[in-house]
C-alpha atoms as a PDB file:
ATOM      1  CA  UNK A   1      13.089  22.535 -20.930  1.00  0.00           C
ATOM      2  CA  UNK A   2      10.406  24.607 -22.540  1.00  0.00           C
ATOM      3  CA  UNK A   3       7.330  22.323 -22.237  1.00  0.00           C
ATOM      4  CA  UNK A   4       5.549  20.988 -19.291  1.00  0.00           C
ATOM      5  CA  UNK A   5       6.031  17.505 -17.995  1.00  0.00           C
ATOM      6  CA  UNK A   6       4.147  15.259 -15.565  1.00  0.00           C
ATOM      7  CA  UNK A   7       6.253  14.646 -12.508  1.00  0.00           C
ATOM      8  CA  UNK A   8       6.364  13.471  -8.904  1.00  0.00           C
ATOM      9  CA  UNK A   9       8.818  14.499  -6.175  1.00  0.00           C
ATOM     10  CA  UNK A  10      10.810  11.553  -4.973  1.00  0.00           C
ATOM     11  CA  UNK A  11      12.976  13.245  -2.443  1.00  0.00           C
ATOM     12  CA  UNK A  12      13.831  16.727  -1.260  1.00  0.00           C
ATOM     13  CA  UNK A  13      16.174  18.440   1.104  1.00  0.00           C
ATOM     14  CA  UNK A  14      16.765  22.027   2.115  1.00  0.00           C
ATOM     15  CA  UNK A  15      19.294  24.029   0.040  1.00  0.00           C
ATOM     16  CA  UNK A  16      20.192  27.390   1.593  1.00  0.00           C
ATOM     17  CA  UNK A  17      17.660  29.239   3.756  1.00  0.00           C
ATOM     18  CA  UNK A  18      14.876  29.487   1.113  1.00  0.00           C
ATOM     19  CA  UNK A  19      15.492  26.806  -1.551  1.00  0.00           C
ATOM     20  CA  UNK A  20      15.097  23.066  -2.000  1.00  0.00           C
ATOM     21  CA  UNK A  21      17.011  20.499  -3.911  1.00  0.00           C
ATOM     22  CA  UNK A  22      14.557  17.991  -5.331  1.00  0.00           C
ATOM     23  CA  UNK A  23      14.728  14.721  -7.121  1.00  0.00           C
ATOM     24  CA  UNK A  24      11.812  14.421  -9.529  1.00  0.00           C
ATOM     25  CA  UNK A  25      10.496  11.437 -11.490  1.00  0.00           C
ATOM     26  CA  UNK A  26       9.308  12.766 -14.781  1.00  0.00           C
ATOM     27  CA  UNK A  27       7.316  11.122 -17.517  1.00  0.00           C
ATOM     28  CA  UNK A  28       9.804  11.759 -20.399  1.00  0.00           C
ATOM     29  CA  UNK A  29      13.157  12.591 -18.701  1.00  0.00           C
ATOM     30  CA  UNK A  30      13.114  10.005 -15.912  1.00  0.00           C
ATOM     31  CA  UNK A  31      14.833  10.957 -12.705  1.00  0.00           C
ATOM     32  CA  UNK A  32      16.189  14.544 -12.661  1.00  0.00           C
ATOM     33  CA  UNK A  33      17.699  16.732  -9.878  1.00  0.00           C
ATOM     34  CA  UNK A  34      16.310  20.246  -9.612  1.00  0.00           C
ATOM     35  CA  UNK A  35      17.056  23.397  -7.659  1.00  0.00           C
ATOM     36  CA  UNK A  36      13.825  25.049  -6.566  1.00  0.00           C
ATOM     37  CA  UNK A  37      14.891  28.601  -5.591  1.00  0.00           C
ATOM     38  CA  UNK A  38      12.982  30.458  -3.032  1.00  0.00           C
ATOM     39  CA  UNK A  39      10.264  27.851  -2.525  1.00  0.00           C
ATOM     40  CA  UNK A  40      10.717  27.691   1.218  1.00  0.00           C
ATOM     41  CA  UNK A  41      10.049  31.393   1.687  1.00  0.00           C
ATOM     42  CA  UNK A  42       6.681  32.455   3.130  1.00  0.00           C
ATOM     43  CA  UNK A  43       5.640  34.176  -0.027  1.00  0.00           C
ATOM     44  CA  UNK A  44       6.202  31.146  -2.286  1.00  0.00           C
ATOM     45  CA  UNK A  45       3.044  29.711  -3.830  1.00  0.00           C
ATOM     46  CA  UNK A  46       4.823  26.427  -4.503  1.00  0.00           C
ATOM     47  CA  UNK A  47       5.671  25.723  -0.852  1.00  0.00           C
ATOM     48  CA  UNK A  48       2.831  23.316  -0.282  1.00  0.00           C
ATOM     49  CA  UNK A  49       2.733  21.485  -3.529  1.00  0.00           C
ATOM     50  CA  UNK A  50       6.354  20.279  -3.887  1.00  0.00           C
ATOM     51  CA  UNK A  51       5.716  17.164  -1.757  1.00  0.00           C
ATOM     52  CA  UNK A  52       5.924  13.467  -2.610  1.00  0.00           C
ATOM     53  CA  UNK A  53       2.715  11.845  -4.008  1.00  0.00           C
ATOM     54  CA  UNK A  54       1.403  15.058  -5.406  1.00  0.00           C
ATOM     55  CA  UNK A  55       0.850  14.842  -9.226  1.00  0.00           C
ATOM     56  CA  UNK A  56       2.578  17.844 -10.815  1.00  0.00           C
ATOM     57  CA  UNK A  57       3.293  19.558 -14.107  1.00  0.00           C
ATOM     58  CA  UNK A  58       6.728  21.146 -14.067  1.00  0.00           C
ATOM     59  CA  UNK A  59       9.131  23.103 -16.207  1.00  0.00           C
ATOM     60  CA  UNK A  60      12.858  23.525 -15.746  1.00  0.00           C
ATOM     61  CA  UNK A  61      15.914  24.894 -17.476  1.00  0.00           C
ATOM     62  CA  UNK A  62      19.686  24.028 -17.538  1.00  0.00           C
ATOM     63  CA  UNK A  63      21.792  21.349 -19.095  1.00  0.00           C
ATOM     64  CA  UNK A  64      23.978  20.422 -16.170  1.00  0.00           C
ATOM     65  CA  UNK A  65      23.376  17.656 -13.578  1.00  0.00           C
ATOM     66  CA  UNK A  66      21.346  20.119 -11.553  1.00  0.00           C
ATOM     67  CA  UNK A  67      18.444  21.872 -13.275  1.00  0.00           C
ATOM     68  CA  UNK A  68      16.620  24.942 -12.187  1.00  0.00           C
ATOM     69  CA  UNK A  69      12.881  24.794 -11.585  1.00  0.00           C
ATOM     70  CA  UNK A  70      11.029  27.447 -13.600  1.00  0.00           C
ATOM     71  CA  UNK A  71       7.461  26.567 -12.681  1.00  0.00           C
ATOM     72  CA  UNK A  72       5.256  23.925 -11.202  1.00  0.00           C
ATOM     73  CA  UNK A  73       1.566  23.229 -10.945  1.00  0.00           C
ATOM     74  CA  UNK A  74      -0.303  20.590  -8.940  1.00  0.00           C
ATOM     75  CA  UNK A  75      -2.566  18.552 -11.217  1.00  0.00           C
ATOM     76  CA  UNK A  76      -4.591  17.325  -8.244  1.00  0.00           C
ATOM     77  CA  UNK A  77      -4.337  17.047  -4.487  1.00  0.00           C
ATOM     78  CA  UNK A  78      -1.759  14.674  -3.063  1.00  0.00           C
ATOM     79  CA  UNK A  79      -2.586  11.054  -3.082  1.00  0.00           C
ATOM     80  CA  UNK A  80      -3.779  10.153   0.409  1.00  0.00           C
ATOM     81  CA  UNK A  81      -1.223   7.649   1.810  1.00  0.00           C
ATOM     82  CA  UNK A  82      -1.473   6.988   5.491  1.00  0.00           C
ATOM     83  CA  UNK A  83      -0.381   4.399   7.965  1.00  0.00           C
ATOM     84  CA  UNK A  84       1.535   1.368   6.568  1.00  0.00           C
ATOM     85  CA  UNK A  85       0.628   2.391   3.053  1.00  0.00           C
ATOM     86  CA  UNK A  86       2.531   5.686   3.493  1.00  0.00           C
ATOM     87  CA  UNK A  87       5.740   3.638   4.087  1.00  0.00           C
ATOM     88  CA  UNK A  88       5.115   1.592   1.000  1.00  0.00           C
ATOM     89  CA  UNK A  89       5.039   4.893  -1.033  1.00  0.00           C
ATOM     90  CA  UNK A  90       8.256   6.038   0.627  1.00  0.00           C
ATOM     91  CA  UNK A  91       9.899   2.742  -0.275  1.00  0.00           C
ATOM     92  CA  UNK A  92       8.801   3.164  -3.974  1.00  0.00           C
ATOM     93  CA  UNK A  93      10.305   6.658  -3.973  1.00  0.00           C
ATOM     94  CA  UNK A  94      13.571   5.494  -2.295  1.00  0.00           C
ATOM     95  CA  UNK A  95      13.870   2.618  -4.664  1.00  0.00           C
ATOM     96  CA  UNK A  96      13.599   4.850  -7.681  1.00  0.00           C
ATOM     97  CA  UNK A  97      16.074   7.355  -6.262  1.00  0.00           C
ATOM     98  CA  UNK A  98      18.620   4.704  -5.633  1.00  0.00           C
ATOM     99  CA  UNK A  99      18.483   2.588  -8.799  1.00  0.00           C
ATOM    100  CA  UNK A 100      17.436   4.810 -11.798  1.00  0.00           C
ATOM    101  CA  UNK A 101      20.063   6.500 -13.880  1.00  0.00           C
ATOM    102  CA  UNK A 102      19.654  10.293 -13.930  1.00  0.00           C
ATOM    103  CA  UNK A 103      18.248  11.702 -17.224  1.00  0.00           C
ATOM    104  CA  UNK A 104      17.114   8.396 -18.663  1.00  0.00           C
ATOM    105  CA  UNK A 105      13.450   8.168 -19.766  1.00  0.00           C
ATOM    106  CA  UNK A 106      11.210   5.476 -18.306  1.00  0.00           C
ATOM    107  CA  UNK A 107       7.776   6.355 -19.629  1.00  0.00           C
ATOM    108  CA  UNK A 108       6.265   2.827 -19.018  1.00  0.00           C
ATOM    109  CA  UNK A 109       7.671   2.804 -15.586  1.00  0.00           C
ATOM    110  CA  UNK A 110       6.230   6.211 -14.877  1.00  0.00           C
ATOM    111  CA  UNK A 111       2.760   4.828 -15.702  1.00  0.00           C
ATOM    112  CA  UNK A 112       3.248   1.867 -13.481  1.00  0.00           C
ATOM    113  CA  UNK A 113       4.487   4.069 -10.606  1.00  0.00           C
ATOM    114  CA  UNK A 114       1.359   6.290 -11.000  1.00  0.00           C
ATOM    115  CA  UNK A 115      -0.818   3.167 -11.149  1.00  0.00           C
ATOM    116  CA  UNK A 116       0.750   1.592  -8.021  1.00  0.00           C
ATOM    117  CA  UNK A 117       0.278   4.869  -6.062  1.00  0.00           C
ATOM    118  CA  UNK A 118      -3.324   5.004  -6.994  1.00  0.00           C
ATOM    119  CA  UNK A 119      -3.751   1.450  -5.724  1.00  0.00           C
ATOM    120  CA  UNK A 120      -1.955   2.326  -2.444  1.00  0.00           C
ATOM    121  CA  UNK A 121      -4.101   5.404  -2.049  1.00  0.00           C
ATOM    122  CA  UNK A 122      -7.247   3.322  -2.329  1.00  0.00           C
ATOM    123  CA  UNK A 123      -6.082   0.682   0.199  1.00  0.00           C
ATOM    124  CA  UNK A 124      -6.246   0.482   3.916  1.00  0.00           C
ATOM    125  CA  UNK A 125      -3.466  -2.090   3.997  1.00  0.00           C
ATOM    126  CA  UNK A 126      -0.409  -2.367   1.826  1.00  0.00           C
ATOM    127  CA  UNK A 127      -1.432  -4.400  -1.309  1.00  0.00           C
ATOM    128  CA  UNK A 128       1.593  -6.662  -1.716  1.00  0.00           C
ATOM    129  CA  UNK A 129       0.550  -7.839  -5.177  1.00  0.00           C
ATOM    130  CA  UNK A 130       0.714  -4.135  -6.476  1.00  0.00           C
ATOM    131  CA  UNK A 131       4.161  -3.649  -4.893  1.00  0.00           C
ATOM    132  CA  UNK A 132       5.605  -6.865  -6.306  1.00  0.00           C
ATOM    133  CA  UNK A 133       4.387  -5.896  -9.804  1.00  0.00           C
ATOM    134  CA  UNK A 134       5.890  -2.451  -9.492  1.00  0.00           C
ATOM    135  CA  UNK A 135       9.290  -3.920  -8.355  1.00  0.00           C
ATOM    136  CA  UNK A 136       9.337  -6.237 -11.303  1.00  0.00           C
ATOM    137  CA  UNK A 137       8.524  -3.301 -13.588  1.00  0.00           C
ATOM    138  CA  UNK A 138      11.566  -1.399 -12.094  1.00  0.00           C
ATOM    139  CA  UNK A 139      13.741  -4.409 -12.853  1.00  0.00           C
ATOM    140  CA  UNK A 140      12.414  -4.774 -16.431  1.00  0.00           C
ATOM    141  CA  UNK A 141      12.787  -1.097 -17.188  1.00  0.00           C
ATOM    142  CA  UNK A 142      16.372  -1.038 -15.943  1.00  0.00           C
ATOM    143  CA  UNK A 143      17.125  -3.782 -18.554  1.00  0.00           C
ATOM    144  CA  UNK A 144      17.225  -6.595 -16.211  1.00  0.00           C
ATOM    145  CA  UNK A 145      16.493  -9.612 -18.320  1.00  0.00           C
ATOM    146  CA  UNK A 146      15.821 -13.149 -17.070  1.00  0.00           C
ATOM    147  CA  UNK A 147      13.868 -15.932 -18.615  1.00  0.00           C
ATOM    148  CA  UNK A 148      11.457 -17.341 -15.940  1.00  0.00           C
ATOM    149  CA  UNK A 149       9.828 -19.906 -18.203  1.00  0.00           C
ATOM    150  CA  UNK A 150      12.852 -21.904 -19.378  1.00  0.00           C
ATOM    151  CA  UNK A 151      15.642 -23.746 -17.671  1.00  0.00           C
ATOM    152  CA  UNK A 152      18.928 -21.869 -18.340  1.00  0.00           C
ATOM    153  CA  UNK A 153      20.818 -25.160 -18.422  1.00  0.00           C
ATOM    154  CA  UNK A 154      18.708 -27.295 -20.821  1.00  0.00           C
ATOM    155  CA  UNK A 155      16.435 -24.766 -22.521  1.00  0.00           C
ATOM    156  CA  UNK A 156      13.418 -26.821 -21.622  1.00  0.00           C
ATOM    157  CA  UNK A 157      10.161 -25.226 -20.389  1.00  0.00           C
ATOM    158  CA  UNK A 158      10.059 -25.116 -16.583  1.00  0.00           C
ATOM    159  CA  UNK A 159       7.858 -27.793 -14.931  1.00  0.00           C
ATOM    160  CA  UNK A 160       5.527 -26.718 -12.094  1.00  0.00           C
ATOM    161  CA  UNK A 161       6.751 -29.070  -9.340  1.00  0.00           C
ATOM    162  CA  UNK A 162      10.474 -29.075 -10.281  1.00  0.00           C
ATOM    163  CA  UNK A 163      13.003 -26.827  -8.400  1.00  0.00           C
ATOM    164  CA  UNK A 164      15.164 -24.293 -10.084  1.00  0.00           C
ATOM    165  CA  UNK A 165      18.081 -22.476  -8.569  1.00  0.00           C
ATOM    166  CA  UNK A 166      18.759 -18.918  -9.556  1.00  0.00           C
ATOM    167  CA  UNK A 167      22.178 -18.081 -10.723  1.00  0.00           C
ATOM    168  CA  UNK A 168      23.089 -14.434 -11.328  1.00  0.00           C
ATOM    169  CA  UNK A 169      23.593 -13.480 -15.004  1.00  0.00           C
ATOM    170  CA  UNK A 170      22.634 -17.043 -16.080  1.00  0.00           C
ATOM    171  CA  UNK A 171      19.031 -17.569 -14.996  1.00  0.00           C
ATOM    172  CA  UNK A 172      17.247 -20.482 -13.350  1.00  0.00           C
ATOM    173  CA  UNK A 173      18.755 -23.975 -13.619  1.00  0.00           C
ATOM    174  CA  UNK A 174      17.108 -27.199 -12.529  1.00  0.00           C
ATOM    175  CA  UNK A 175      18.639 -28.366  -9.340  1.00  0.00           C
ATOM    176  CA  UNK A 176      17.957 -30.728  -6.340  1.00  0.00           C
ATOM    177  CA  UNK A 177      19.357 -28.118  -3.956  1.00  0.00           C
ATOM    178  CA  UNK A 178      16.616 -26.288  -2.102  1.00  0.00           C
ATOM    179  CA  UNK A 179      17.713 -23.115  -0.455  1.00  0.00           C
ATOM    180  CA  UNK A 180      17.165 -19.266  -0.500  1.00  0.00           C
ATOM    181  CA  UNK A 181      17.907 -19.135  -4.241  1.00  0.00           C
ATOM    182  CA  UNK A 182      15.487 -22.025  -5.189  1.00  0.00           C
ATOM    183  CA  UNK A 183      12.082 -21.604  -6.811  1.00  0.00           C
ATOM    184  CA  UNK A 184       9.532 -24.040  -8.218  1.00  0.00           C
ATOM    185  CA  UNK A 185       8.436 -23.881 -11.731  1.00  0.00           C
ATOM    186  CA  UNK A 186       4.978 -22.709 -10.568  1.00  0.00           C
ATOM    187  CA  UNK A 187       6.526 -19.854  -8.743  1.00  0.00           C
ATOM    188  CA  UNK A 188       8.530 -18.857 -11.808  1.00  0.00           C
ATOM    189  CA  UNK A 189       5.435 -18.846 -13.935  1.00  0.00           C
ATOM    190  CA  UNK A 190       3.842 -16.489 -11.439  1.00  0.00           C
ATOM    191  CA  UNK A 191       6.806 -14.224 -11.804  1.00  0.00           C
ATOM    192  CA  UNK A 192       6.560 -14.288 -15.522  1.00  0.00           C
ATOM    193  CA  UNK A 193       2.858 -13.390 -15.451  1.00  0.00           C
ATOM    194  CA  UNK A 194       3.189 -10.923 -12.546  1.00  0.00           C
ATOM    195  CA  UNK A 195       0.278 -12.650 -11.008  1.00  0.00           C
ATOM    196  CA  UNK A 196       0.409 -14.168  -7.449  1.00  0.00           C
ATOM    197  CA  UNK A 197      -2.593 -16.260  -6.665  1.00  0.00           C
ATOM    198  CA  UNK A 198      -1.593 -17.408  -3.234  1.00  0.00           C
ATOM    199  CA  UNK A 199       0.787 -16.673  -0.349  1.00  0.00           C
ATOM    200  CA  UNK A 200       3.355 -19.125  -1.598  1.00  0.00           C
ATOM    201  CA  UNK A 201       3.884 -17.345  -4.932  1.00  0.00           C
ATOM    202  CA  UNK A 202       3.676 -13.945  -3.325  1.00  0.00           C
ATOM    203  CA  UNK A 203       6.456 -14.753  -0.773  1.00  0.00           C
ATOM    204  CA  UNK A 204       8.545 -16.378  -3.601  1.00  0.00           C
ATOM    205  CA  UNK A 205       8.219 -13.146  -5.638  1.00  0.00           C
ATOM    206  CA  UNK A 206       9.330 -11.003  -2.679  1.00  0.00           C
ATOM    207  CA  UNK A 207      12.376 -13.245  -2.072  1.00  0.00           C
ATOM    208  CA  UNK A 208      13.448 -13.189  -5.745  1.00  0.00           C
ATOM    209  CA  UNK A 209      13.002  -9.430  -6.030  1.00  0.00           C
ATOM    210  CA  UNK A 210      15.330  -8.802  -3.077  1.00  0.00           C
ATOM    211  CA  UNK A 211      17.862 -11.120  -4.599  1.00  0.00           C
ATOM    212  CA  UNK A 212      17.612  -9.376  -7.988  1.00  0.00           C
ATOM    213  CA  UNK A 213      17.673  -5.789  -6.510  1.00  0.00           C
ATOM    214  CA  UNK A 214      20.678  -6.443  -4.191  1.00  0.00           C
ATOM    215  CA  UNK A 215      23.388  -5.750  -6.883  1.00  0.00           C
ATOM    216  CA  UNK A 216      21.669  -2.390  -7.561  1.00  0.00           C
ATOM    217  CA  UNK A 217      21.185  -1.285  -4.025  1.00  0.00           C
ATOM    218  CA  UNK A 218      24.565  -2.420  -2.700  1.00  0.00           C
ATOM    219  CA  UNK A 219      25.231  -2.780   0.990  1.00  0.00           C
ATOM    220  CA  UNK A 220      23.397   0.391   2.070  1.00  0.00           C
ATOM    221  CA  UNK A 221      20.053  -0.440   3.720  1.00  0.00           C
ATOM    222  CA  UNK A 222      16.730   1.262   2.602  1.00  0.00           C
ATOM    223  CA  UNK A 223      15.764   3.902   5.122  1.00  0.00           C
ATOM    224  CA  UNK A 224      12.112   3.311   4.297  1.00  0.00           C
ATOM    225  CA  UNK A 225      12.328  -0.276   5.473  1.00  0.00           C
ATOM    226  CA  UNK A 226      13.703   0.802   8.818  1.00  0.00           C
ATOM    227  CA  UNK A 227      11.132   3.493   9.188  1.00  0.00           C
ATOM    228  CA  UNK A 228       8.452   0.921   8.543  1.00  0.00           C
ATOM    229  CA  UNK A 229       9.850  -1.477  11.122  1.00  0.00           C
ATOM    230  CA  UNK A 230       9.794   1.402  13.750  1.00  0.00           C
ATOM    231  CA  UNK A 231       6.118   2.119  12.741  1.00  0.00           C
ATOM    232  CA  UNK A 232       5.169  -1.602  13.247  1.00  0.00           C
ATOM    233  CA  UNK A 233       7.025  -1.757  16.592  1.00  0.00           C
ATOM    234  CA  UNK A 234       5.331   1.386  17.906  1.00  0.00           C
ATOM    235  CA  UNK A 235       1.980   0.112  16.736  1.00  0.00           C
ATOM    236  CA  UNK A 236       2.484  -3.251  18.471  1.00  0.00           C
ATOM    237  CA  UNK A 237       3.614  -1.491  21.680  1.00  0.00           C
ATOM    238  CA  UNK A 238       0.540   0.717  21.715  1.00  0.00           C
ATOM    239  CA  UNK A 239      -1.742  -2.251  21.167  1.00  0.00           C
ATOM    240  CA  UNK A 240      -0.115  -4.238  24.000  1.00  0.00           C
ATOM    241  CA  UNK A 241      -0.406  -1.221  26.296  1.00  0.00           C
ATOM    242  CA  UNK A 242      -4.212  -1.094  25.598  1.00  0.00           C
ATOM    243  CA  UNK A 243      -4.623  -4.808  26.261  1.00  0.00           C
END
């Protein structure tokens, strides 16, 4: 890879005493795994910048599954994610690491990822709307296709007040059954538009996205969700102690 590409670190782990094995999300090559030699040494000028949420320009070489980092430059300071917003960013990174094929380009998703990080960085509390839109973008860019606006059984447009039950690989079918897999036509229209004007449509979006992502994530739980639960418990305990 001779040219520079915009990239973000999704995940990293030590590799030998002085190196790092990094998963990057790049603009034109998607998710790649890169060996960054010597960057953990005291003399490395890259030690501080190869961190999540830092906009980077990088170059690498190699044709195998693991590339070799040649150079990296921070475009700006790391986006300031703190508190609960930090865990939202970690969730985004873990999601991409788990579901994206290595070496497949997702330029539109890269832009949506950057935009969502910028929204998170400007927020004191996690903006649920932005996360739901990002998750739907992930599904779309992976080739997940579902028609939110038509009944999969009849082909008729969905009606706001009718209930439609989601069936994997088929879509939404009008049903009198109301359960975890059921959504109103109004909720489906919100999903199609990626706009959630109230708590009902926002909760429905979160429920559907978890259903849709489950086959991609498998049975292994997301570490970022558990870390967030621990953060909330600790925050609640501290608040109770003060009171």
